[in-house]
Amino acid sequence: MTLTAILIVASALFGIGLFGALSQKSFVMLMMGLELMLNGTLLAAVGFWAFTLEGAPEGQLLAILIMAVMAVELAIGFALVVAVYRKRQADVIEALGALKE
């Protein structure tokens, strides 16, 4: 597999995630779109690491950092979804008129 093929797959993942994040009305689907975008970024970073740095530890550190960001984003996002659902019984984005209340 070449670097070009890996970058094409990574950009496809990012594009599908972007479409999913912008077009969905459910909180869970929005989070899934964001995760797909981060997975595309991770795949591109690992592809660049494997083909350009030839196994240097800096590339592994970048991949681990992206995975840590993904885990934190997922945990905080779902905590916010649960808090909003408990407060307003809303499971779609349009149900939230203003977050001030």
Protein backbone atom coordinates (compact mmCIF):
# COMPACT_ATOMS: atom_id res chain seq x y z
CA MET A 1 0.00 0.00 0.00
CA THR A 2 1.36 3.42 -0.90
CA LEU A 3 1.21 6.71 0.93
CA THR A 4 -1.17 8.05 -1.70
CA ALA A 5 -3.66 5.25 -1.08
CA ILE A 6 -3.49 5.78 2.67
CA LEU A 7 -4.06 9.52 2.27
CA ILE A 8 -7.02 8.91 -0.05
CA VAL A 9 -8.64 6.63 2.53
CA ALA A 10 -7.85 9.13 5.30
CA SER A 11 -9.39 12.00 3.35
CA ALA A 12 -12.46 9.86 2.58
CA LEU A 13 -12.87 9.12 6.30
CA PHE A 14 -12.48 12.80 7.12
CA GLY A 15 -14.99 13.80 4.44
CA ILE A 16 -17.57 11.25 5.58
CA GLY A 17 -17.10 12.41 9.16
CA LEU A 18 -17.47 16.05 8.16
CA PHE A 19 -20.66 15.31 6.26
CA GLY A 20 -21.97 13.29 9.20
CA ALA A 21 -21.14 15.99 11.73
CA LEU A 22 -22.77 18.75 9.69
CA SER A 23 -25.87 16.93 8.50
CA GLN A 24 -27.08 14.95 11.51
CA LYS A 25 -29.56 16.13 14.09
CA SER A 26 -28.82 13.58 16.81
CA PHE A 27 -26.12 14.20 19.39
CA VAL A 28 -24.80 10.66 19.08
CA MET A 29 -24.50 10.87 15.29
CA LEU A 30 -22.73 14.21 15.64
CA MET A 31 -20.22 12.60 17.98
CA MET A 32 -19.73 9.72 15.55
CA GLY A 33 -18.99 12.20 12.77
CA LEU A 34 -16.38 13.91 14.93
CA GLU A 35 -14.80 10.56 15.74
CA LEU A 36 -14.60 9.67 12.05
CA MET A 37 -12.86 12.98 11.39
CA LEU A 38 -10.31 12.27 14.10
CA ASN A 39 -9.82 8.73 12.77
CA GLY A 40 -9.06 10.15 9.33
CA THR A 41 -6.53 12.51 10.88
CA LEU A 42 -4.98 9.64 12.82
CA LEU A 43 -4.71 7.48 9.70
CA ALA A 44 -3.01 10.31 7.79
CA ALA A 45 -0.57 10.92 10.66
CA VAL A 46 0.32 7.24 10.93
CA GLY A 47 0.68 7.01 7.15
CA PHE A 48 3.07 9.93 7.09
CA TRP A 49 4.96 8.44 10.01
CA ALA A 50 5.33 5.05 8.34
CA PHE A 51 6.42 6.36 4.95
CA THR A 52 8.43 9.50 5.70
CA LEU A 53 9.96 9.10 9.15
CA GLU A 54 10.61 5.38 8.71
CA GLY A 55 9.62 4.38 12.21
CA ALA A 56 10.89 7.34 14.25
CA PRO A 57 9.36 7.49 17.75
CA GLU A 58 7.98 10.98 17.16
CA GLY A 59 5.31 9.60 14.84
CA GLN A 60 4.18 7.08 17.45
CA LEU A 61 3.95 9.87 20.00
CA LEU A 62 1.75 11.90 17.65
CA ALA A 63 -0.56 8.91 17.09
CA ILE A 64 -0.86 8.30 20.84
CA LEU A 65 -1.58 12.00 21.38
CA ILE A 66 -4.37 11.94 18.78
CA MET A 67 -5.87 8.82 20.39
CA ALA A 68 -5.80 10.54 23.79
CA VAL A 69 -7.59 13.57 22.33
CA MET A 70 -10.18 11.23 20.82
CA ALA A 71 -10.81 9.56 24.17
CA VAL A 72 -11.13 12.85 26.05
CA GLU A 73 -13.41 14.34 23.37
CA LEU A 74 -15.64 11.28 23.45
CA ALA A 75 -15.88 11.23 27.26
CA ILE A 76 -16.65 14.95 27.57
CA GLY A 77 -19.06 14.88 24.65
CA PHE A 78 -21.12 12.01 25.98
CA ALA A 79 -21.11 13.55 29.47
CA LEU A 80 -22.58 16.71 27.96
CA VAL A 81 -25.15 14.69 26.02
CA VAL A 82 -26.25 12.88 29.19
CA ALA A 83 -26.43 16.17 31.13
CA VAL A 84 -28.53 17.86 28.44
CA TYR A 85 -30.82 14.85 28.19
CA ARG A 86 -31.36 14.74 31.95
CA LYS A 87 -32.02 18.47 32.14
CA ARG A 88 -34.27 18.96 29.10
CA GLN A 89 -35.19 15.49 27.81
CA ALA A 90 -33.76 16.54 24.44
CA ASP A 91 -31.99 14.04 22.22
CA VAL A 92 -31.73 16.13 19.04
CA ILE A 93 -29.82 19.33 18.44
CA GLU A 94 -32.84 21.42 17.35
CA ALA A 95 -34.60 20.78 20.66
CA LEU A 96 -32.15 23.14 22.32
CA GLY A 97 -33.31 26.68 21.68
CA ALA A 98 -30.93 28.47 23.99
CA LEU A 99 -28.41 27.04 26.41
CA LYS A 100 -28.78 29.91 28.89
CA GLU A 101 -31.77 28.45 30.72
